[in-house]
Amino acid sequence: MFAVNLHAQPATQAGAAAAPAPAEEMVPAAAPAVFHVLGLPITNSMICTWIVAAFILILVRATTPKNIKEIPSGMQNVLEAMVEGWDGLIGDILDKRVTKWVFPFATTFFIFILFSNLMDLVPGVGSIGFTSPDKSFTPLFRPPTTDANLTVAMAGIFLVMSLYWAVRYNGVWGLVKHIFGVKMETTKWTYPLFFLLFLFIGSMELLSVVFARPVALAMRLYGNVFAGESILDMIFHGKSLLFSLLLSSCMYFYETFVCLVQAFVFAMLVVAFVGTLCSHTDDEHAH
């Protein structure tokens, strides 16, 4: 049956003899399945992901009507100012041609991650759910970015697209030289030594591109949002209702800031990582 978890444990009646209940796991690392479709589990984080995606589509549709004015006003003016500012920020980091590729990609990441993070602060998320026959409570909703499956999937998409843009910008052989090439002036006698040195450096760079960067993107976002969700849950489980309300009010302001910062950091890291692959220096071909 469906129930609302009020995050408070009722006091036992006087004289009641009951064994102490086992410690309850606050926020499980794995998103639990709410139901199954054709044998595939549908988790509470997946439900929230669909809600966020639908909300963004409705919001974009409502704020960009067909009769877009040449001289913007109202919400159109706000959206255009935000787009121009974000485009200028990315344009200061990337080549103009690369900016056209990365801008919609990074912007989509920023908007989706921001709203996904903010789901952590929506009343009912994590507290509305159902009780299974074994008396365990399963929330119906869970912020999408507190599920590592989503953050890893986004990091995987970034990896594929960044390599595609790198090949498109440099060419296959140009990308190889960009990573492994000798990037300083040398003589014909010292070139073999520096070639081995930059071959080692390039190997480390390649490891960073295909492994370290995607892992950093996925785990940074997941860890920060999951930590915030866990802290809020611990506060709501406090013994004092008044203390929980006061502390949670302060945490809500802090978590709102964290949600915005983490979305911005993820998008900017995407831009910065692509910039390291799609750039030329005058020393790359100098021997």
C-alpha atoms as a PDB file:
ATOM      1  CA  MET A   1       0.000   0.000   0.000  1.00  0.00           C
ATOM      2  CA  PHE A   2       1.094   3.564  -0.578  1.00  0.00           C
ATOM      3  CA  ALA A   3       2.241   5.528   2.432  1.00  0.00           C
ATOM      4  CA  VAL A   4       3.951   8.756   3.362  1.00  0.00           C
ATOM      5  CA  ASN A   5       7.166   8.394   5.337  1.00  0.00           C
ATOM      6  CA  LEU A   6       7.258  11.342   7.726  1.00  0.00           C
ATOM      7  CA  HIS A   7      10.902  10.649   8.611  1.00  0.00           C
ATOM      8  CA  ALA A   8      10.067  10.350  12.292  1.00  0.00           C
ATOM      9  CA  GLN A   9      10.037   7.329  14.566  1.00  0.00           C
ATOM     10  CA  PRO A  10       7.053   7.205  16.981  1.00  0.00           C
ATOM     11  CA  ALA A  11       7.871   6.661  20.621  1.00  0.00           C
ATOM     12  CA  THR A  12       6.996   3.224  21.990  1.00  0.00           C
ATOM     13  CA  GLN A  13       4.220   3.028  24.535  1.00  0.00           C
ATOM     14  CA  ALA A  14       5.166   2.575  28.180  1.00  0.00           C
ATOM     15  CA  GLY A  15       5.343  -1.039  29.239  1.00  0.00           C
ATOM     16  CA  ALA A  16       5.560  -2.380  25.693  1.00  0.00           C
ATOM     17  CA  ALA A  17       8.100  -5.162  25.474  1.00  0.00           C
ATOM     18  CA  ALA A  18       9.593  -5.238  22.024  1.00  0.00           C
ATOM     19  CA  ALA A  19      12.985  -6.157  20.643  1.00  0.00           C
ATOM     20  CA  PRO A  20      15.032  -3.216  19.338  1.00  0.00           C
ATOM     21  CA  ALA A  21      14.515  -2.726  15.603  1.00  0.00           C
ATOM     22  CA  PRO A  22      17.544  -3.133  13.379  1.00  0.00           C
ATOM     23  CA  ALA A  23      19.214  -0.001  12.147  1.00  0.00           C
ATOM     24  CA  GLU A  24      17.488   1.330   9.032  1.00  0.00           C
ATOM     25  CA  GLU A  25      19.537   2.255   5.995  1.00  0.00           C
ATOM     26  CA  MET A  26      18.842   5.907   5.319  1.00  0.00           C
ATOM     27  CA  VAL A  27      19.434   6.301   1.587  1.00  0.00           C
ATOM     28  CA  PRO A  28      20.445   3.099  -0.239  1.00  0.00           C
ATOM     29  CA  ALA A  29      23.246   3.446  -2.767  1.00  0.00           C
ATOM     30  CA  ALA A  30      21.257   1.527  -5.394  1.00  0.00           C
ATOM     31  CA  ALA A  31      17.926   2.942  -6.546  1.00  0.00           C
ATOM     32  CA  PRO A  32      15.210   0.384  -5.677  1.00  0.00           C
ATOM     33  CA  ALA A  33      12.780  -0.890  -8.309  1.00  0.00           C
ATOM     34  CA  VAL A  34       9.202   0.367  -7.980  1.00  0.00           C
ATOM     35  CA  PHE A  35       7.708  -2.001 -10.559  1.00  0.00           C
ATOM     36  CA  HIS A  36       8.716  -4.109 -13.555  1.00  0.00           C
ATOM     37  CA  VAL A  37       7.829  -3.859 -17.243  1.00  0.00           C
ATOM     38  CA  LEU A  38       8.451  -7.007 -19.303  1.00  0.00           C
ATOM     39  CA  GLY A  39      10.834  -8.174 -16.603  1.00  0.00           C
ATOM     40  CA  LEU A  40      12.835  -4.911 -16.634  1.00  0.00           C
ATOM     41  CA  PRO A  41      13.032  -3.026 -13.323  1.00  0.00           C
ATOM     42  CA  ILE A  42      11.726   0.541 -13.275  1.00  0.00           C
ATOM     43  CA  THR A  43      13.461   2.351 -10.432  1.00  0.00           C
ATOM     44  CA  ASN A  44      12.306   5.439  -8.582  1.00  0.00           C
ATOM     45  CA  SER A  45      15.199   7.429 -10.071  1.00  0.00           C
ATOM     46  CA  MET A  46      14.024   6.506 -13.589  1.00  0.00           C
ATOM     47  CA  ILE A  47      10.533   7.802 -12.769  1.00  0.00           C
ATOM     48  CA  CYS A  48      12.031  11.117 -11.622  1.00  0.00           C
ATOM     49  CA  THR A  49      14.186  11.265 -14.758  1.00  0.00           C
ATOM     50  CA  TRP A  50      11.087  11.028 -16.945  1.00  0.00           C
ATOM     51  CA  ILE A  51       9.349  13.702 -14.869  1.00  0.00           C
ATOM     52  CA  VAL A  52      12.328  16.068 -15.221  1.00  0.00           C
ATOM     53  CA  ALA A  53      12.551  15.471 -18.985  1.00  0.00           C
ATOM     54  CA  ALA A  54       8.820  16.101 -19.425  1.00  0.00           C
ATOM     55  CA  PHE A  55       8.997  19.258 -17.289  1.00  0.00           C
ATOM     56  CA  ILE A  56      11.881  20.667 -19.339  1.00  0.00           C
ATOM     57  CA  LEU A  57      10.079  19.977 -22.620  1.00  0.00           C
ATOM     58  CA  ILE A  58       6.906  21.649 -21.358  1.00  0.00           C
ATOM     59  CA  LEU A  59       8.847  24.620 -19.984  1.00  0.00           C
ATOM     60  CA  VAL A  60      10.767  25.160 -23.226  1.00  0.00           C
ATOM     61  CA  ARG A  61       7.576  24.833 -25.258  1.00  0.00           C
ATOM     62  CA  ALA A  62       5.716  27.299 -23.032  1.00  0.00           C
ATOM     63  CA  THR A  63       8.492  29.916 -22.992  1.00  0.00           C
ATOM     64  CA  THR A  64       9.306  29.802 -26.725  1.00  0.00           C
ATOM     65  CA  PRO A  65       6.019  30.327 -28.553  1.00  0.00           C
ATOM     66  CA  LYS A  66       5.754  30.223 -32.330  1.00  0.00           C
ATOM     67  CA  ASN A  67       5.431  33.991 -32.583  1.00  0.00           C
ATOM     68  CA  ILE A  68       8.984  34.779 -31.402  1.00  0.00           C
ATOM     69  CA  LYS A  69       9.446  38.541 -31.531  1.00  0.00           C
ATOM     70  CA  GLU A  70      12.350  40.227 -33.280  1.00  0.00           C
ATOM     71  CA  ILE A  71      12.605  42.604 -30.324  1.00  0.00           C
ATOM     72  CA  PRO A  72      12.405  40.254 -27.331  1.00  0.00           C
ATOM     73  CA  SER A  73      10.432  40.984 -24.190  1.00  0.00           C
ATOM     74  CA  GLY A  74       9.421  39.134 -21.051  1.00  0.00           C
ATOM     75  CA  MET A  75      10.545  35.529 -20.753  1.00  0.00           C
ATOM     76  CA  GLN A  76      11.956  35.529 -24.291  1.00  0.00           C
ATOM     77  CA  ASN A  77      14.279  38.379 -23.304  1.00  0.00           C
ATOM     78  CA  VAL A  78      15.465  36.451 -20.207  1.00  0.00           C
ATOM     79  CA  LEU A  79      16.111  33.265 -22.169  1.00  0.00           C
ATOM     80  CA  GLU A  80      17.991  35.060 -24.930  1.00  0.00           C
ATOM     81  CA  ALA A  81      20.178  36.865 -22.379  1.00  0.00           C
ATOM     82  CA  MET A  82      21.006  33.550 -20.704  1.00  0.00           C
ATOM     83  CA  VAL A  83      21.803  31.885 -24.035  1.00  0.00           C
ATOM     84  CA  GLU A  84      24.024  34.756 -25.179  1.00  0.00           C
ATOM     85  CA  GLY A  85      25.898  34.822 -21.875  1.00  0.00           C
ATOM     86  CA  TRP A  86      26.477  31.053 -21.884  1.00  0.00           C
ATOM     87  CA  ASP A  87      27.524  31.152 -25.544  1.00  0.00           C
ATOM     88  CA  GLY A  88      30.007  33.934 -24.806  1.00  0.00           C
ATOM     89  CA  LEU A  89      31.461  32.013 -21.859  1.00  0.00           C
ATOM     90  CA  ILE A  90      31.999  28.865 -23.922  1.00  0.00           C
ATOM     91  CA  GLY A  91      33.302  30.926 -26.847  1.00  0.00           C
ATOM     92  CA  ASP A  92      36.080  32.293 -24.641  1.00  0.00           C
ATOM     93  CA  ILE A  93      37.321  28.737 -24.035  1.00  0.00           C
ATOM     94  CA  LEU A  94      36.786  26.915 -27.327  1.00  0.00           C
ATOM     95  CA  ASP A  95      37.504  27.537 -30.964  1.00  0.00           C
ATOM     96  CA  LYS A  96      34.575  29.169 -32.760  1.00  0.00           C
ATOM     97  CA  ARG A  97      33.912  26.043 -34.837  1.00  0.00           C
ATOM     98  CA  VAL A  98      34.013  23.782 -31.778  1.00  0.00           C
ATOM     99  CA  THR A  99      31.712  26.122 -29.856  1.00  0.00           C
ATOM    100  CA  LYS A 100      28.935  25.444 -32.369  1.00  0.00           C
ATOM    101  CA  TRP A 101      29.255  21.721 -31.672  1.00  0.00           C
ATOM    102  CA  VAL A 102      29.606  21.824 -27.899  1.00  0.00           C
ATOM    103  CA  PHE A 103      27.231  24.669 -26.997  1.00  0.00           C
ATOM    104  CA  PRO A 104      23.911  22.777 -27.338  1.00  0.00           C
ATOM    105  CA  PHE A 105      25.459  19.673 -25.768  1.00  0.00           C
ATOM    106  CA  ALA A 106      26.829  21.429 -22.667  1.00  0.00           C
ATOM    107  CA  THR A 107      23.706  23.586 -22.313  1.00  0.00           C
ATOM    108  CA  THR A 108      21.450  20.529 -22.367  1.00  0.00           C
ATOM    109  CA  PHE A 109      23.608  18.880 -19.708  1.00  0.00           C
ATOM    110  CA  PHE A 110      23.459  21.992 -17.522  1.00  0.00           C
ATOM    111  CA  ILE A 111      19.664  22.370 -17.709  1.00  0.00           C
ATOM    112  CA  PHE A 112      18.938  18.673 -17.206  1.00  0.00           C
ATOM    113  CA  ILE A 113      21.384  18.260 -14.308  1.00  0.00           C
ATOM    114  CA  LEU A 114      20.160  21.435 -12.597  1.00  0.00           C
ATOM    115  CA  PHE A 115      16.516  20.319 -12.560  1.00  0.00           C
ATOM    116  CA  SER A 116      17.521  16.770 -11.635  1.00  0.00           C
ATOM    117  CA  ASN A 117      19.524  18.071  -8.677  1.00  0.00           C
ATOM    118  CA  LEU A 118      16.684  20.337  -7.554  1.00  0.00           C
ATOM    119  CA  MET A 119      14.371  17.318  -7.333  1.00  0.00           C
ATOM    120  CA  ASP A 120      16.214  16.614  -4.087  1.00  0.00           C
ATOM    121  CA  LEU A 121      14.473  19.657  -2.571  1.00  0.00           C
ATOM    122  CA  VAL A 122      10.924  18.955  -3.795  1.00  0.00           C
ATOM    123  CA  PRO A 123       8.595  17.945  -0.935  1.00  0.00           C
ATOM    124  CA  GLY A 124       7.545  14.317  -1.243  1.00  0.00           C
ATOM    125  CA  VAL A 125      10.647  13.153  -3.094  1.00  0.00           C
ATOM    126  CA  GLY A 126      12.105  10.416  -0.920  1.00  0.00           C
ATOM    127  CA  SER A 127       9.179  10.488   1.537  1.00  0.00           C
ATOM    128  CA  ILE A 128       6.182   9.380  -0.555  1.00  0.00           C
ATOM    129  CA  GLY A 129       6.224   5.696  -1.361  1.00  0.00           C
ATOM    130  CA  PHE A 130       4.844   2.301  -0.443  1.00  0.00           C
ATOM    131  CA  THR A 131       5.428  -0.348   2.188  1.00  0.00           C
ATOM    132  CA  SER A 132       6.215  -3.851   0.973  1.00  0.00           C
ATOM    133  CA  PRO A 133       5.009  -7.028   2.705  1.00  0.00           C
ATOM    134  CA  ASP A 134       8.329  -7.287   4.581  1.00  0.00           C
ATOM    135  CA  LYS A 135       7.575  -3.856   6.158  1.00  0.00           C
ATOM    136  CA  SER A 136      10.375  -2.099   4.247  1.00  0.00           C
ATOM    137  CA  PHE A 137       9.618   1.343   2.846  1.00  0.00           C
ATOM    138  CA  THR A 138      10.380   2.113  -0.815  1.00  0.00           C
ATOM    139  CA  PRO A 139      10.215   5.771  -1.941  1.00  0.00           C
ATOM    140  CA  LEU A 140       8.298   6.367  -5.146  1.00  0.00           C
ATOM    141  CA  PHE A 141      10.627   9.196  -6.211  1.00  0.00           C
ATOM    142  CA  ARG A 142      14.402   9.646  -6.016  1.00  0.00           C
ATOM    143  CA  PRO A 143      16.499  12.492  -7.491  1.00  0.00           C
ATOM    144  CA  PRO A 144      17.941  11.223 -10.803  1.00  0.00           C
ATOM    145  CA  THR A 145      21.506  12.338 -10.098  1.00  0.00           C
ATOM    146  CA  THR A 146      21.637  10.330  -6.851  1.00  0.00           C
ATOM    147  CA  ASP A 147      21.700   7.230  -9.049  1.00  0.00           C
ATOM    148  CA  ALA A 148      25.204   6.431 -10.314  1.00  0.00           C
ATOM    149  CA  ASN A 149      23.703   4.685 -13.362  1.00  0.00           C
ATOM    150  CA  LEU A 150      22.551   8.045 -14.736  1.00  0.00           C
ATOM    151  CA  THR A 151      25.776   9.948 -14.047  1.00  0.00           C
ATOM    152  CA  VAL A 152      27.878   7.144 -15.556  1.00  0.00           C
ATOM    153  CA  ALA A 153      25.623   7.112 -18.624  1.00  0.00           C
ATOM    154  CA  MET A 154      26.050  10.874 -19.074  1.00  0.00           C
ATOM    155  CA  ALA A 155      29.818  10.530 -18.696  1.00  0.00           C
ATOM    156  CA  GLY A 156      29.773   7.776 -21.331  1.00  0.00           C
ATOM    157  CA  ILE A 157      27.863  10.019 -23.738  1.00  0.00           C
ATOM    158  CA  PHE A 158      30.415  12.767 -23.123  1.00  0.00           C
ATOM    159  CA  LEU A 159      33.291  10.357 -23.864  1.00  0.00           C
ATOM    160  CA  VAL A 160      31.813   9.278 -27.193  1.00  0.00           C
ATOM    161  CA  MET A 161      31.006  12.825 -28.294  1.00  0.00           C
ATOM    162  CA  SER A 162      34.351  14.286 -27.184  1.00  0.00           C
ATOM    163  CA  LEU A 163      36.268  11.666 -29.187  1.00  0.00           C
ATOM    164  CA  TYR A 164      34.013  12.278 -32.194  1.00  0.00           C
ATOM    165  CA  TRP A 165      34.619  16.028 -32.030  1.00  0.00           C
ATOM    166  CA  ALA A 166      38.360  15.483 -31.523  1.00  0.00           C
ATOM    167  CA  VAL A 167      38.572  13.339 -34.674  1.00  0.00           C
ATOM    168  CA  ARG A 168      36.389  15.770 -36.591  1.00  0.00           C
ATOM    169  CA  TYR A 169      38.558  18.709 -35.560  1.00  0.00           C
ATOM    170  CA  ASN A 170      42.039  17.176 -35.839  1.00  0.00           C
ATOM    171  CA  GLY A 171      41.577  14.177 -38.112  1.00  0.00           C
ATOM    172  CA  VAL A 172      42.653  10.722 -36.962  1.00  0.00           C
ATOM    173  CA  TRP A 173      46.361  11.275 -37.568  1.00  0.00           C
ATOM    174  CA  GLY A 174      46.160  14.826 -36.271  1.00  0.00           C
ATOM    175  CA  LEU A 175      44.616  13.575 -33.032  1.00  0.00           C
ATOM    176  CA  VAL A 176      47.395  11.003 -32.637  1.00  0.00           C
ATOM    177  CA  LYS A 177      50.004  13.731 -33.085  1.00  0.00           C
ATOM    178  CA  HIS A 178      48.059  16.016 -30.760  1.00  0.00           C
ATOM    179  CA  ILE A 179      48.266  13.449 -27.959  1.00  0.00           C
ATOM    180  CA  PHE A 180      51.627  11.775 -28.578  1.00  0.00           C
ATOM    181  CA  GLY A 181      53.509  14.375 -30.639  1.00  0.00           C
ATOM    182  CA  VAL A 182      56.638  16.162 -29.429  1.00  0.00           C
ATOM    183  CA  LYS A 183      55.471  19.628 -28.397  1.00  0.00           C
ATOM    184  CA  MET A 184      58.781  21.475 -28.183  1.00  0.00           C
ATOM    185  CA  GLU A 185      61.710  22.402 -30.356  1.00  0.00           C
ATOM    186  CA  THR A 186      64.420  19.730 -30.471  1.00  0.00           C
ATOM    187  CA  THR A 187      67.466  18.791 -32.473  1.00  0.00           C
ATOM    188  CA  LYS A 188      67.766  15.616 -34.501  1.00  0.00           C
ATOM    189  CA  TRP A 189      70.040  14.176 -31.784  1.00  0.00           C
ATOM    190  CA  THR A 190      67.683  14.829 -28.862  1.00  0.00           C
ATOM    191  CA  TYR A 191      64.446  14.122 -30.749  1.00  0.00           C
ATOM    192  CA  PRO A 192      64.417  10.317 -30.020  1.00  0.00           C
ATOM    193  CA  LEU A 193      64.756  10.992 -26.296  1.00  0.00           C
ATOM    194  CA  PHE A 194      61.953  13.553 -26.284  1.00  0.00           C
ATOM    195  CA  PHE A 195      59.855  11.284 -28.502  1.00  0.00           C
ATOM    196  CA  LEU A 196      59.971   8.558 -25.832  1.00  0.00           C
ATOM    197  CA  LEU A 197      59.200  11.133 -23.151  1.00  0.00           C
ATOM    198  CA  PHE A 198      56.149  12.499 -24.964  1.00  0.00           C
ATOM    199  CA  LEU A 199      55.075   8.966 -25.848  1.00  0.00           C
ATOM    200  CA  PHE A 200      54.849   8.255 -22.121  1.00  0.00           C
ATOM    201  CA  ILE A 201      53.105  11.584 -21.466  1.00  0.00           C
ATOM    202  CA  GLY A 202      50.669  10.865 -24.300  1.00  0.00           C
ATOM    203  CA  SER A 203      49.883   7.446 -22.834  1.00  0.00           C
ATOM    204  CA  MET A 204      48.973   9.098 -19.543  1.00  0.00           C
ATOM    205  CA  GLU A 205      46.891  11.659 -21.417  1.00  0.00           C
ATOM    206  CA  LEU A 206      45.073   8.929 -23.313  1.00  0.00           C
ATOM    207  CA  LEU A 207      44.318   7.141 -20.037  1.00  0.00           C
ATOM    208  CA  SER A 208      42.965  10.409 -18.674  1.00  0.00           C
ATOM    209  CA  VAL A 209      40.767  10.986 -21.734  1.00  0.00           C
ATOM    210  CA  VAL A 210      39.150   7.549 -21.873  1.00  0.00           C
ATOM    211  CA  PHE A 211      38.987   6.760 -18.153  1.00  0.00           C
ATOM    212  CA  ALA A 212      39.909   9.434 -15.605  1.00  0.00           C
ATOM    213  CA  ARG A 213      37.820  12.262 -17.051  1.00  0.00           C
ATOM    214  CA  PRO A 214      34.547  10.296 -17.463  1.00  0.00           C
ATOM    215  CA  VAL A 215      34.964   8.798 -13.981  1.00  0.00           C
ATOM    216  CA  ALA A 216      35.627  12.244 -12.504  1.00  0.00           C
ATOM    217  CA  LEU A 217      32.510  13.653 -14.180  1.00  0.00           C
ATOM    218  CA  ALA A 218      30.264  10.800 -13.072  1.00  0.00           C
ATOM    219  CA  MET A 219      31.517  10.354  -9.506  1.00  0.00           C
ATOM    220  CA  ARG A 220      31.841  14.073  -8.709  1.00  0.00           C
ATOM    221  CA  LEU A 221      28.208  14.742  -9.574  1.00  0.00           C
ATOM    222  CA  TYR A 222      26.868  11.549  -8.009  1.00  0.00           C
ATOM    223  CA  GLY A 223      28.893  11.912  -4.810  1.00  0.00           C
ATOM    224  CA  ASN A 224      27.922  15.521  -4.116  1.00  0.00           C
ATOM    225  CA  VAL A 225      24.193  15.122  -4.781  1.00  0.00           C
ATOM    226  CA  PHE A 226      23.968  11.751  -3.016  1.00  0.00           C
ATOM    227  CA  ALA A 227      25.761  13.214   0.010  1.00  0.00           C
ATOM    228  CA  GLY A 228      23.257  16.071   0.163  1.00  0.00           C
ATOM    229  CA  GLU A 229      20.334  13.658  -0.080  1.00  0.00           C
ATOM    230  CA  SER A 230      21.814  11.518   2.710  1.00  0.00           C
ATOM    231  CA  ILE A 231      22.398  14.521   4.997  1.00  0.00           C
ATOM    232  CA  LEU A 232      18.831  15.768   4.519  1.00  0.00           C
ATOM    233  CA  ASP A 233      17.502  12.295   5.233  1.00  0.00           C
ATOM    234  CA  MET A 234      19.578  12.073   8.427  1.00  0.00           C
ATOM    235  CA  ILE A 235      18.242  15.469   9.539  1.00  0.00           C
ATOM    236  CA  PHE A 236      14.646  14.403   8.954  1.00  0.00           C
ATOM    237  CA  HIS A 237      15.263  11.278  11.031  1.00  0.00           C
ATOM    238  CA  GLY A 238      16.310  13.381  14.024  1.00  0.00           C
ATOM    239  CA  LYS A 239      14.610  12.761  17.351  1.00  0.00           C
ATOM    240  CA  SER A 240      13.667  16.421  17.810  1.00  0.00           C
ATOM    241  CA  LEU A 241      11.105  17.657  15.288  1.00  0.00           C
ATOM    242  CA  LEU A 242      11.897  21.319  15.999  1.00  0.00           C
ATOM    243  CA  PHE A 243      15.648  20.759  15.582  1.00  0.00           C
ATOM    244  CA  SER A 244      15.050  18.861  12.327  1.00  0.00           C
ATOM    245  CA  LEU A 245      12.910  21.671  10.907  1.00  0.00           C
ATOM    246  CA  LEU A 246      15.418  24.398  11.803  1.00  0.00           C
ATOM    247  CA  LEU A 247      18.438  22.516  10.499  1.00  0.00           C
ATOM    248  CA  SER A 248      16.672  21.370   7.336  1.00  0.00           C
ATOM    249  CA  SER A 249      15.700  24.981   6.550  1.00  0.00           C
ATOM    250  CA  CYS A 250      19.371  25.967   6.571  1.00  0.00           C
ATOM    251  CA  MET A 251      20.323  22.901   4.545  1.00  0.00           C
ATOM    252  CA  TYR A 252      17.726  23.727   1.884  1.00  0.00           C
ATOM    253  CA  PHE A 253      19.447  27.033   1.099  1.00  0.00           C
ATOM    254  CA  TYR A 254      22.848  25.348   1.037  1.00  0.00           C
ATOM    255  CA  GLU A 255      21.657  22.454  -1.122  1.00  0.00           C
ATOM    256  CA  THR A 256      20.068  24.865  -3.608  1.00  0.00           C
ATOM    257  CA  PHE A 257      23.480  26.480  -4.053  1.00  0.00           C
ATOM    258  CA  VAL A 258      25.171  23.064  -4.354  1.00  0.00           C
ATOM    259  CA  CYS A 259      22.653  21.934  -6.994  1.00  0.00           C
ATOM    260  CA  LEU A 260      23.398  24.994  -9.120  1.00  0.00           C
ATOM    261  CA  VAL A 261      27.174  24.752  -8.684  1.00  0.00           C
ATOM    262  CA  GLN A 262      27.344  21.035  -9.507  1.00  0.00           C
ATOM    263  CA  ALA A 263      25.342  21.511 -12.714  1.00  0.00           C
ATOM    264  CA  PHE A 264      27.603  24.394 -13.730  1.00  0.00           C
ATOM    265  CA  VAL A 265      30.798  22.485 -12.865  1.00  0.00           C
ATOM    266  CA  PHE A 266      29.727  19.435 -14.882  1.00  0.00           C
ATOM    267  CA  ALA A 267      28.945  21.549 -17.947  1.00  0.00           C
ATOM    268  CA  MET A 268      32.151  23.573 -17.686  1.00  0.00           C
ATOM    269  CA  LEU A 269      34.288  20.448 -17.243  1.00  0.00           C
ATOM    270  CA  VAL A 270      32.731  19.074 -20.418  1.00  0.00           C
ATOM    271  CA  VAL A 271      33.719  22.286 -22.219  1.00  0.00           C
ATOM    272  CA  ALA A 272      37.236  22.292 -20.743  1.00  0.00           C
ATOM    273  CA  PHE A 273      37.880  18.609 -21.512  1.00  0.00           C
ATOM    274  CA  VAL A 274      36.741  19.045 -25.108  1.00  0.00           C
ATOM    275  CA  GLY A 275      38.947  22.135 -25.366  1.00  0.00           C
ATOM    276  CA  THR A 276      42.071  20.117 -24.517  1.00  0.00           C
ATOM    277  CA  LEU A 277      41.346  17.774 -27.449  1.00  0.00           C
ATOM    278  CA  CYS A 278      40.211  20.372 -29.972  1.00  0.00           C
ATOM    279  CA  SER A 279      43.034  22.891 -29.937  1.00  0.00           C
ATOM    280  CA  HIS A 280      46.245  23.487 -31.855  1.00  0.00           C
ATOM    281  CA  THR A 281      49.518  24.887 -30.614  1.00  0.00           C
ATOM    282  CA  ASP A 282      52.376  26.168 -32.680  1.00  0.00           C
ATOM    283  CA  ASP A 283      54.791  23.804 -30.945  1.00  0.00           C
ATOM    284  CA  GLU A 284      52.975  20.576 -31.805  1.00  0.00           C
ATOM    285  CA  HIS A 285      54.794  20.085 -35.065  1.00  0.00           C
ATOM    286  CA  ALA A 286      58.081  21.724 -34.132  1.00  0.00           C
ATOM    287  CA  HIS A 287      61.006  19.290 -33.879  1.00  0.00           C
END
